[in-house]
mmCIF file of all heavy atoms, coordinates in Angstrom:
data_MODEL
# 
_entry.id   MODEL 
# 
loop_
_atom_site.group_PDB 
_atom_site.id 
_atom_site.type_symbol 
_atom_site.label_atom_id 
_atom_site.label_alt_id 
_atom_site.label_comp_id 
_atom_site.label_asym_id 
_atom_site.label_entity_id 
_atom_site.label_seq_id 
_atom_site.pdbx_PDB_ins_code 
_atom_site.Cartn_x 
_atom_site.Cartn_y 
_atom_site.Cartn_z 
_atom_site.occupancy 
_atom_site.B_iso_or_equiv 
_atom_site.pdbx_formal_charge 
_atom_site.auth_seq_id 
_atom_site.auth_comp_id 
_atom_site.auth_asym_id 
_atom_site.auth_atom_id 
_atom_site.pdbx_PDB_model_num 
ATOM 1   N N   . CYS A 1 1  ? 86.527  102.450 116.711 1.00 0.00 ? 1  CYS A N   1 
ATOM 2   C CA  . CYS A 1 1  ? 87.543  102.876 117.676 1.00 0.00 ? 1  CYS A CA  1 
ATOM 3   C C   . CYS A 1 1  ? 87.841  104.370 117.587 1.00 0.00 ? 1  CYS A C   1 
ATOM 4   O O   . CYS A 1 1  ? 88.200  104.993 118.588 1.00 0.00 ? 1  CYS A O   1 
ATOM 5   C CB  . CYS A 1 1  ? 88.820  102.081 117.471 1.00 0.00 ? 1  CYS A CB  1 
ATOM 6   S SG  . CYS A 1 1  ? 88.657  100.347 117.940 1.00 0.00 ? 1  CYS A SG  1 
ATOM 7   N N   . SER A 1 2  ? 87.718  104.934 116.406 1.00 0.00 ? 2  SER A N   1 
ATOM 8   C CA  . SER A 1 2  ? 87.984  106.359 116.264 1.00 0.00 ? 2  SER A CA  1 
ATOM 9   C C   . SER A 1 2  ? 86.728  107.202 116.456 1.00 0.00 ? 2  SER A C   1 
ATOM 10  O O   . SER A 1 2  ? 86.811  108.424 116.560 1.00 0.00 ? 2  SER A O   1 
ATOM 11  C CB  . SER A 1 2  ? 88.571  106.655 114.880 1.00 0.00 ? 2  SER A CB  1 
ATOM 12  O OG  . SER A 1 2  ? 87.622  106.371 113.862 1.00 0.00 ? 2  SER A OG  1 
ATOM 13  N N   . GLN A 1 3  ? 85.558  106.514 116.485 1.00 0.00 ? 3  GLN A N   1 
ATOM 14  C CA  . GLN A 1 3  ? 84.276  107.212 116.600 1.00 0.00 ? 3  GLN A CA  1 
ATOM 15  C C   . GLN A 1 3  ? 84.171  108.316 115.543 1.00 0.00 ? 3  GLN A C   1 
ATOM 16  O O   . GLN A 1 3  ? 83.718  109.428 115.815 1.00 0.00 ? 3  GLN A O   1 
ATOM 17  C CB  . GLN A 1 3  ? 84.081  107.775 118.007 1.00 0.00 ? 3  GLN A CB  1 
ATOM 18  C CG  . GLN A 1 3  ? 84.064  106.709 119.080 1.00 0.00 ? 3  GLN A CG  1 
ATOM 19  C CD  . GLN A 1 3  ? 83.816  107.266 120.472 1.00 0.00 ? 3  GLN A CD  1 
ATOM 20  O OE1 . GLN A 1 3  ? 83.968  108.449 120.733 1.00 0.00 ? 3  GLN A OE1 1 
ATOM 21  N NE2 . GLN A 1 3  ? 83.400  106.391 121.384 1.00 0.00 ? 3  GLN A NE2 1 
ATOM 22  N N   . SER A 1 4  ? 84.629  107.974 114.336 1.00 0.00 ? 4  SER A N   1 
ATOM 23  C CA  . SER A 1 4  ? 84.687  108.955 113.258 1.00 0.00 ? 4  SER A CA  1 
ATOM 24  C C   . SER A 1 4  ? 83.472  108.883 112.342 1.00 0.00 ? 4  SER A C   1 
ATOM 25  O O   . SER A 1 4  ? 82.989  107.796 112.020 1.00 0.00 ? 4  SER A O   1 
ATOM 26  C CB  . SER A 1 4  ? 85.946  108.734 112.407 1.00 0.00 ? 4  SER A CB  1 
ATOM 27  O OG  . SER A 1 4  ? 87.109  108.904 113.156 1.00 0.00 ? 4  SER A OG  1 
ATOM 28  N N   . LYS A 1 5  ? 83.018  110.032 111.932 1.00 0.00 ? 5  LYS A N   1 
ATOM 29  C CA  . LYS A 1 5  ? 82.015  110.090 110.881 1.00 0.00 ? 5  LYS A CA  1 
ATOM 30  C C   . LYS A 1 5  ? 82.686  109.950 109.517 1.00 0.00 ? 5  LYS A C   1 
ATOM 31  O O   . LYS A 1 5  ? 82.073  109.528 108.554 1.00 0.00 ? 5  LYS A O   1 
ATOM 32  C CB  . LYS A 1 5  ? 81.240  111.412 110.956 1.00 0.00 ? 5  LYS A CB  1 
ATOM 33  C CG  . LYS A 1 5  ? 80.357  111.545 112.186 1.00 0.00 ? 5  LYS A CG  1 
ATOM 34  C CD  . LYS A 1 5  ? 79.574  112.851 112.154 1.00 0.00 ? 5  LYS A CD  1 
ATOM 35  C CE  . LYS A 1 5  ? 78.650  112.963 113.370 1.00 0.00 ? 5  LYS A CE  1 
ATOM 36  N NZ  . LYS A 1 5  ? 77.888  114.225 113.365 1.00 0.00 ? 5  LYS A NZ  1 
ATOM 37  N N   . GLU A 1 6  ? 83.948  110.326 109.474 1.00 0.00 ? 6  GLU A N   1 
ATOM 38  C CA  . GLU A 1 6  ? 84.681  110.291 108.212 1.00 0.00 ? 6  GLU A CA  1 
ATOM 39  C C   . GLU A 1 6  ? 86.079  109.744 108.441 1.00 0.00 ? 6  GLU A C   1 
ATOM 40  O O   . GLU A 1 6  ? 86.783  110.160 109.362 1.00 0.00 ? 6  GLU A O   1 
ATOM 41  C CB  . GLU A 1 6  ? 84.774  111.703 107.629 1.00 0.00 ? 6  GLU A CB  1 
ATOM 42  C CG  . GLU A 1 6  ? 85.485  111.779 106.297 1.00 0.00 ? 6  GLU A CG  1 
ATOM 43  C CD  . GLU A 1 6  ? 85.543  113.197 105.750 1.00 0.00 ? 6  GLU A CD  1 
ATOM 44  O OE1 . GLU A 1 6  ? 84.828  114.056 106.287 1.00 0.00 ? 6  GLU A OE1 1 
ATOM 45  O OE2 . GLU A 1 6  ? 86.311  113.433 104.801 1.00 0.00 ? 6  GLU A OE2 1 
ATOM 46  N N   . ILE A 1 7  ? 86.471  108.777 107.608 1.00 0.00 ? 7  ILE A N   1 
ATOM 47  C CA  . ILE A 1 7  ? 87.833  108.250 107.646 1.00 0.00 ? 7  ILE A CA  1 
ATOM 48  C C   . ILE A 1 7  ? 88.373  108.189 106.220 1.00 0.00 ? 7  ILE A C   1 
ATOM 49  O O   . ILE A 1 7  ? 87.610  108.251 105.251 1.00 0.00 ? 7  ILE A O   1 
ATOM 50  C CB  . ILE A 1 7  ? 87.905  106.842 108.274 1.00 0.00 ? 7  ILE A CB  1 
ATOM 51  C CG1 . ILE A 1 7  ? 87.158  105.827 107.399 1.00 0.00 ? 7  ILE A CG1 1 
ATOM 52  C CG2 . ILE A 1 7  ? 87.385  106.832 109.692 1.00 0.00 ? 7  ILE A CG2 1 
ATOM 53  C CD1 . ILE A 1 7  ? 87.400  104.384 107.807 1.00 0.00 ? 7  ILE A CD1 1 
ATOM 54  N N   . HIS A 1 8  ? 89.689  108.065 106.122 1.00 0.00 ? 8  HIS A N   1 
ATOM 55  C CA  . HIS A 1 8  ? 90.333  107.859 104.829 1.00 0.00 ? 8  HIS A CA  1 
ATOM 56  C C   . HIS A 1 8  ? 91.248  106.651 104.976 1.00 0.00 ? 8  HIS A C   1 
ATOM 57  O O   . HIS A 1 8  ? 92.255  106.714 105.686 1.00 0.00 ? 8  HIS A O   1 
ATOM 58  C CB  . HIS A 1 8  ? 91.117  109.097 104.405 1.00 0.00 ? 8  HIS A CB  1 
ATOM 59  C CG  . HIS A 1 8  ? 90.278  110.324 104.245 1.00 0.00 ? 8  HIS A CG  1 
ATOM 60  N ND1 . HIS A 1 8  ? 89.516  110.549 103.113 1.00 0.00 ? 8  HIS A ND1 1 
ATOM 61  C CD2 . HIS A 1 8  ? 90.042  111.362 105.074 1.00 0.00 ? 8  HIS A CD2 1 
ATOM 62  C CE1 . HIS A 1 8  ? 88.870  111.698 103.246 1.00 0.00 ? 8  HIS A CE1 1 
ATOM 63  N NE2 . HIS A 1 8  ? 89.161  112.202 104.431 1.00 0.00 ? 8  HIS A NE2 1 
ATOM 64  N N   . LEU A 1 9  ? 90.873  105.569 104.334 1.00 0.00 ? 9  LEU A N   1 
ATOM 65  C CA  . LEU A 1 9  ? 91.609  104.318 104.438 1.00 0.00 ? 9  LEU A CA  1 
ATOM 66  C C   . LEU A 1 9  ? 92.044  103.879 103.047 1.00 0.00 ? 9  LEU A C   1 
ATOM 67  O O   . LEU A 1 9  ? 91.210  103.646 102.177 1.00 0.00 ? 9  LEU A O   1 
ATOM 68  C CB  . LEU A 1 9  ? 90.742  103.239 105.099 1.00 0.00 ? 9  LEU A CB  1 
ATOM 69  C CG  . LEU A 1 9  ? 91.285  101.806 105.108 1.00 0.00 ? 9  LEU A CG  1 
ATOM 70  C CD1 . LEU A 1 9  ? 92.626  101.731 105.812 1.00 0.00 ? 9  LEU A CD1 1 
ATOM 71  C CD2 . LEU A 1 9  ? 90.275  100.867 105.775 1.00 0.00 ? 9  LEU A CD2 1 
ATOM 72  N N   . GLU A 1 10 ? 93.352  103.770 102.849 1.00 0.00 ? 10 GLU A N   1 
ATOM 73  C CA  . GLU A 1 10 ? 93.907  103.349 101.566 1.00 0.00 ? 10 GLU A CA  1 
ATOM 74  C C   . GLU A 1 10 ? 94.477  101.938 101.691 1.00 0.00 ? 10 GLU A C   1 
ATOM 75  O O   . GLU A 1 10 ? 95.240  101.653 102.615 1.00 0.00 ? 10 GLU A O   1 
ATOM 76  C CB  . GLU A 1 10 ? 95.039  104.286 101.128 1.00 0.00 ? 10 GLU A CB  1 
ATOM 77  C CG  . GLU A 1 10 ? 94.660  105.744 100.998 1.00 0.00 ? 10 GLU A CG  1 
ATOM 78  C CD  . GLU A 1 10 ? 95.882  106.607 100.738 1.00 0.00 ? 10 GLU A CD  1 
ATOM 79  O OE1 . GLU A 1 10 ? 96.832  106.128 100.081 1.00 0.00 ? 10 GLU A OE1 1 
ATOM 80  O OE2 . GLU A 1 10 ? 95.903  107.762 101.213 1.00 0.00 ? 10 GLU A OE2 1 
ATOM 81  N N   . GLY A 1 11 ? 94.126  101.087 100.761 1.00 0.00 ? 11 GLY A N   1 
ATOM 82  C CA  . GLY A 1 11 ? 94.722  99.767  100.672 1.00 0.00 ? 11 GLY A CA  1 
ATOM 83  C C   . GLY A 1 11 ? 95.588  99.706  99.435  1.00 0.00 ? 11 GLY A C   1 
ATOM 84  O O   . GLY A 1 11 ? 95.163  100.157 98.364  1.00 0.00 ? 11 GLY A O   1 
ATOM 85  N N   . ILE A 1 12 ? 96.804  99.198  99.559  1.00 0.00 ? 12 ILE A N   1 
ATOM 86  C CA  . ILE A 1 12 ? 97.683  99.078  98.402  1.00 0.00 ? 12 ILE A CA  1 
ATOM 87  C C   . ILE A 1 12 ? 98.244  97.662  98.335  1.00 0.00 ? 12 ILE A C   1 
ATOM 88  O O   . ILE A 1 12 ? 98.376  96.979  99.348  1.00 0.00 ? 12 ILE A O   1 
ATOM 89  C CB  . ILE A 1 12 ? 98.847  100.089 98.435  1.00 0.00 ? 12 ILE A CB  1 
ATOM 90  C CG1 . ILE A 1 12 ? 99.784  99.804  99.620  1.00 0.00 ? 12 ILE A CG1 1 
ATOM 91  C CG2 . ILE A 1 12 ? 98.334  101.517 98.476  1.00 0.00 ? 12 ILE A CG2 1 
ATOM 92  C CD1 . ILE A 1 12 ? 101.112 100.539 99.538  1.00 0.00 ? 12 ILE A CD1 1 
ATOM 93  N N   . ASP A 1 13 ? 98.571  97.237  97.117  1.00 0.00 ? 13 ASP A N   1 
ATOM 94  C CA  . ASP A 1 13 ? 99.189  95.926  96.945  1.00 0.00 ? 13 ASP A CA  1 
ATOM 95  C C   . ASP A 1 13 ? 100.021 95.937  95.671  1.00 0.00 ? 13 ASP A C   1 
ATOM 96  O O   . ASP A 1 13 ? 99.634  96.555  94.667  1.00 0.00 ? 13 ASP A O   1 
ATOM 97  C CB  . ASP A 1 13 ? 98.142  94.818  96.863  1.00 0.00 ? 13 ASP A CB  1 
ATOM 98  C CG  . ASP A 1 13 ? 98.765  93.443  96.998  1.00 0.00 ? 13 ASP A CG  1 
ATOM 99  O OD1 . ASP A 1 13 ? 98.982  93.009  98.142  1.00 0.00 ? 13 ASP A OD1 1 
ATOM 100 O OD2 . ASP A 1 13 ? 99.058  92.814  95.955  1.00 0.00 ? 13 ASP A OD2 1 
ATOM 101 N N   . PHE A 1 14 ? 101.155 95.263  95.707  1.00 0.00 ? 14 PHE A N   1 
ATOM 102 C CA  . PHE A 1 14 ? 102.045 95.186  94.552  1.00 0.00 ? 14 PHE A CA  1 
ATOM 103 C C   . PHE A 1 14 ? 101.324 94.587  93.348  1.00 0.00 ? 14 PHE A C   1 
ATOM 104 O O   . PHE A 1 14 ? 101.535 95.005  92.201  1.00 0.00 ? 14 PHE A O   1 
ATOM 105 C CB  . PHE A 1 14 ? 103.269 94.347  94.915  1.00 0.00 ? 14 PHE A CB  1 
ATOM 106 C CG  . PHE A 1 14 ? 104.366 94.356  93.894  1.00 0.00 ? 14 PHE A CG  1 
ATOM 107 C CD1 . PHE A 1 14 ? 105.311 95.371  93.897  1.00 0.00 ? 14 PHE A CD1 1 
ATOM 108 C CD2 . PHE A 1 14 ? 104.463 93.353  92.943  1.00 0.00 ? 14 PHE A CD2 1 
ATOM 109 C CE1 . PHE A 1 14 ? 106.335 95.385  92.945  1.00 0.00 ? 14 PHE A CE1 1 
ATOM 110 C CE2 . PHE A 1 14 ? 105.483 93.360  91.995  1.00 0.00 ? 14 PHE A CE2 1 
ATOM 111 C CZ  . PHE A 1 14 ? 106.427 94.383  91.993  1.00 0.00 ? 14 PHE A CZ  1 
ATOM 112 N N   . HIS A 1 15 ? 100.465 93.598  93.601  1.00 0.00 ? 15 HIS A N   1 
ATOM 113 C CA  . HIS A 1 15 ? 99.685  92.953  92.538  1.00 0.00 ? 15 HIS A CA  1 
ATOM 114 C C   . HIS A 1 15 ? 98.240  93.462  92.514  1.00 0.00 ? 15 HIS A C   1 
ATOM 115 O O   . HIS A 1 15 ? 97.323  92.738  92.122  1.00 0.00 ? 15 HIS A O   1 
ATOM 116 C CB  . HIS A 1 15 ? 99.694  91.437  92.728  1.00 0.00 ? 15 HIS A CB  1 
ATOM 117 C CG  . HIS A 1 15 ? 101.044 90.811  92.580  1.00 0.00 ? 15 HIS A CG  1 
ATOM 118 N ND1 . HIS A 1 15 ? 101.804 90.937  91.443  1.00 0.00 ? 15 HIS A ND1 1 
ATOM 119 C CD2 . HIS A 1 15 ? 101.775 90.048  93.434  1.00 0.00 ? 15 HIS A CD2 1 
ATOM 120 C CE1 . HIS A 1 15 ? 102.947 90.284  91.590  1.00 0.00 ? 15 HIS A CE1 1 
ATOM 121 N NE2 . HIS A 1 15 ? 102.955 89.744  92.791  1.00 0.00 ? 15 HIS A NE2 1 
ATOM 122 N N   . GLY A 1 16 ? 98.045  94.680  92.952  1.00 0.00 ? 16 GLY A N   1 
ATOM 123 C CA  . GLY A 1 16 ? 96.689  95.207  93.094  1.00 0.00 ? 16 GLY A CA  1 
ATOM 124 C C   . GLY A 1 16 ? 95.861  95.228  91.837  1.00 0.00 ? 16 GLY A C   1 
ATOM 125 O O   . GLY A 1 16 ? 94.640  95.107  91.893  1.00 0.00 ? 16 GLY A O   1 
ATOM 126 N N   . SER A 1 17 ? 96.508  95.346  90.677  1.00 0.00 ? 17 SER A N   1 
ATOM 127 C CA  . SER A 1 17 ? 95.739  95.409  89.431  1.00 0.00 ? 17 SER A CA  1 
ATOM 128 C C   . SER A 1 17 ? 94.953  94.128  89.188  1.00 0.00 ? 17 SER A C   1 
ATOM 129 O O   . SER A 1 17 ? 93.855  94.153  88.618  1.00 0.00 ? 17 SER A O   1 
ATOM 130 C CB  . SER A 1 17 ? 96.666  95.689  88.241  1.00 0.00 ? 17 SER A CB  1 
ATOM 131 O OG  . SER A 1 17 ? 97.691  94.706  88.168  1.00 0.00 ? 17 SER A OG  1 
ATOM 132 N N   . SER A 1 18 ? 95.494  92.994  89.638  1.00 0.00 ? 18 SER A N   1 
ATOM 133 C CA  . SER A 1 18 ? 94.779  91.724  89.443  1.00 0.00 ? 18 SER A CA  1 
ATOM 134 C C   . SER A 1 18 ? 93.657  91.537  90.456  1.00 0.00 ? 18 SER A C   1 
ATOM 135 O O   . SER A 1 18 ? 92.703  90.806  90.213  1.00 0.00 ? 18 SER A O   1 
ATOM 136 C CB  . SER A 1 18 ? 95.754  90.544  89.529  1.00 0.00 ? 18 SER A CB  1 
ATOM 137 O OG  . SER A 1 18 ? 96.356  90.479  90.817  1.00 0.00 ? 18 SER A OG  1 
ATOM 138 N N   . HIS A 1 19 ? 93.758  92.210  91.598  1.00 0.00 ? 19 HIS A N   1 
ATOM 139 C CA  . HIS A 1 19 ? 92.737  92.087  92.641  1.00 0.00 ? 19 HIS A CA  1 
ATOM 140 C C   . HIS A 1 19 ? 91.648  93.159  92.538  1.00 0.00 ? 19 HIS A C   1 
ATOM 141 O O   . HIS A 1 19 ? 90.571  93.002  93.122  1.00 0.00 ? 19 HIS A O   1 
ATOM 142 C CB  . HIS A 1 19 ? 93.377  92.206  94.033  1.00 0.00 ? 19 HIS A CB  1 
ATOM 143 C CG  . HIS A 1 19 ? 94.358  91.135  94.349  1.00 0.00 ? 19 HIS A CG  1 
ATOM 144 N ND1 . HIS A 1 19 ? 94.057  89.801  94.301  1.00 0.00 ? 19 HIS A ND1 1 
ATOM 145 C CD2 . HIS A 1 19 ? 95.665  91.209  94.742  1.00 0.00 ? 19 HIS A CD2 1 
ATOM 146 C CE1 . HIS A 1 19 ? 95.120  89.091  94.633  1.00 0.00 ? 19 HIS A CE1 1 
ATOM 147 N NE2 . HIS A 1 19 ? 96.103  89.923  94.911  1.00 0.00 ? 19 HIS A NE2 1 
ATOM 148 N N   . LYS A 1 20 ? 91.940  94.229  91.825  1.00 0.00 ? 20 LYS A N   1 
ATOM 149 C CA  . LYS A 1 20 ? 91.079  95.405  91.913  1.00 0.00 ? 20 LYS A CA  1 
ATOM 150 C C   . LYS A 1 20 ? 89.619  95.153  91.556  1.00 0.00 ? 20 LYS A C   1 
ATOM 151 O O   . LYS A 1 20 ? 88.729  95.676  92.237  1.00 0.00 ? 20 LYS A O   1 
ATOM 152 C CB  . LYS A 1 20 ? 91.638  96.529  91.042  1.00 0.00 ? 20 LYS A CB  1 
ATOM 153 C CG  . LYS A 1 20 ? 90.980  97.876  91.348  1.00 0.00 ? 20 LYS A CG  1 
ATOM 154 C CD  . LYS A 1 20 ? 91.777  99.033  90.800  1.00 0.00 ? 20 LYS A CD  1 
ATOM 155 C CE  . LYS A 1 20 ? 91.149  100.347 91.244  1.00 0.00 ? 20 LYS A CE  1 
ATOM 156 N NZ  . LYS A 1 20 ? 91.943  101.516 90.781  1.00 0.00 ? 20 LYS A NZ  1 
ATOM 157 N N   . PRO A 1 21 ? 89.296  94.372  90.505  1.00 0.00 ? 21 PRO A N   1 
ATOM 158 C CA  . PRO A 1 21 ? 87.873  94.168  90.188  1.00 0.00 ? 21 PRO A CA  1 
ATOM 159 C C   . PRO A 1 21 ? 87.061  93.612  91.361  1.00 0.00 ? 21 PRO A C   1 
ATOM 160 O O   . PRO A 1 21 ? 85.973  94.108  91.653  1.00 0.00 ? 21 PRO A O   1 
ATOM 161 C CB  . PRO A 1 21 ? 87.915  93.183  89.009  1.00 0.00 ? 21 PRO A CB  1 
ATOM 162 C CG  . PRO A 1 21 ? 89.231  93.460  88.351  1.00 0.00 ? 21 PRO A CG  1 
ATOM 163 C CD  . PRO A 1 21 ? 90.163  93.751  89.488  1.00 0.00 ? 21 PRO A CD  1 
ATOM 164 N N   . GLU A 1 22 ? 87.575  92.591  92.052  1.00 0.00 ? 22 GLU A N   1 
ATOM 165 C CA  . GLU A 1 22 ? 86.818  92.027  93.174  1.00 0.00 ? 22 GLU A CA  1 
ATOM 166 C C   . GLU A 1 22 ? 86.846  92.949  94.381  1.00 0.00 ? 22 GLU A C   1 
ATOM 167 O O   . GLU A 1 22 ? 85.864  93.038  95.126  1.00 0.00 ? 22 GLU A O   1 
ATOM 168 C CB  . GLU A 1 22 ? 87.331  90.636  93.557  1.00 0.00 ? 22 GLU A CB  1 
ATOM 169 C CG  . GLU A 1 22 ? 88.720  90.579  94.121  1.00 0.00 ? 22 GLU A CG  1 
ATOM 170 C CD  . GLU A 1 22 ? 89.115  89.184  94.580  1.00 0.00 ? 22 GLU A CD  1 
ATOM 171 O OE1 . GLU A 1 22 ? 88.579  88.705  95.599  1.00 0.00 ? 22 GLU A OE1 1 
ATOM 172 O OE2 . GLU A 1 22 ? 89.964  88.557  93.911  1.00 0.00 ? 22 GLU A OE2 1 
ATOM 173 N N   . VAL A 1 23 ? 87.962  93.674  94.578  1.00 0.00 ? 23 VAL A N   1 
ATOM 174 C CA  . VAL A 1 23 ? 88.034  94.591  95.707  1.00 0.00 ? 23 VAL A CA  1 
ATOM 175 C C   . VAL A 1 23 ? 87.053  95.747  95.520  1.00 0.00 ? 23 VAL A C   1 
ATOM 176 O O   . VAL A 1 23 ? 86.410  96.182  96.477  1.00 0.00 ? 23 VAL A O   1 
ATOM 177 C CB  . VAL A 1 23 ? 89.466  95.136  95.892  1.00 0.00 ? 23 VAL A CB  1 
ATOM 178 C CG1 . VAL A 1 23 ? 89.494  96.209  96.972  1.00 0.00 ? 23 VAL A CG1 1 
ATOM 179 C CG2 . VAL A 1 23 ? 90.417  94.010  96.256  1.00 0.00 ? 23 VAL A CG2 1 
ATOM 180 N N   . GLU A 1 24 ? 86.924  96.234  94.296  1.00 0.00 ? 24 GLU A N   1 
ATOM 181 C CA  . GLU A 1 24 ? 85.993  97.334  94.036  1.00 0.00 ? 24 GLU A CA  1 
ATOM 182 C C   . GLU A 1 24 ? 84.570  96.955  94.436  1.00 0.00 ? 24 GLU A C   1 
ATOM 183 O O   . GLU A 1 24 ? 83.823  97.778  94.972  1.00 0.00 ? 24 GLU A O   1 
ATOM 184 C CB  . GLU A 1 24 ? 86.032  97.710  92.548  1.00 0.00 ? 24 GLU A CB  1 
ATOM 185 C CG  . GLU A 1 24 ? 87.322  98.377  92.105  1.00 0.00 ? 24 GLU A CG  1 
ATOM 186 C CD  . GLU A 1 24 ? 87.447  99.806  92.591  1.00 0.00 ? 24 GLU A CD  1 
ATOM 187 O OE1 . GLU A 1 24 ? 86.435  100.385 93.001  1.00 0.00 ? 24 GLU A OE1 1 
ATOM 188 O OE2 . GLU A 1 24 ? 88.573  100.350 92.574  1.00 0.00 ? 24 GLU A OE2 1 
ATOM 189 N N   . LEU A 1 25 ? 84.187  95.712  94.190  1.00 0.00 ? 25 LEU A N   1 
ATOM 190 C CA  . LEU A 1 25 ? 82.862  95.240  94.600  1.00 0.00 ? 25 LEU A CA  1 
ATOM 191 C C   . LEU A 1 25 ? 82.772  95.154  96.120  1.00 0.00 ? 25 LEU A C   1 
ATOM 192 O O   . LEU A 1 25 ? 81.746  95.488  96.711  1.00 0.00 ? 25 LEU A O   1 
ATOM 193 C CB  . LEU A 1 25 ? 82.572  93.875  93.979  1.00 0.00 ? 25 LEU A CB  1 
ATOM 194 C CG  . LEU A 1 25 ? 82.407  93.833  92.455  1.00 0.00 ? 25 LEU A CG  1 
ATOM 195 C CD1 . LEU A 1 25 ? 82.288  92.389  91.982  1.00 0.00 ? 25 LEU A CD1 1 
ATOM 196 C CD2 . LEU A 1 25 ? 81.166  94.624  92.029  1.00 0.00 ? 25 LEU A CD2 1 
# 
């Protein structure tokens, strides 16, 4: 939708430390 070559997208979560290993993959 932005037709961008470059974007910056941040995802945050209160319990992110428990999700981070699978999200990193």
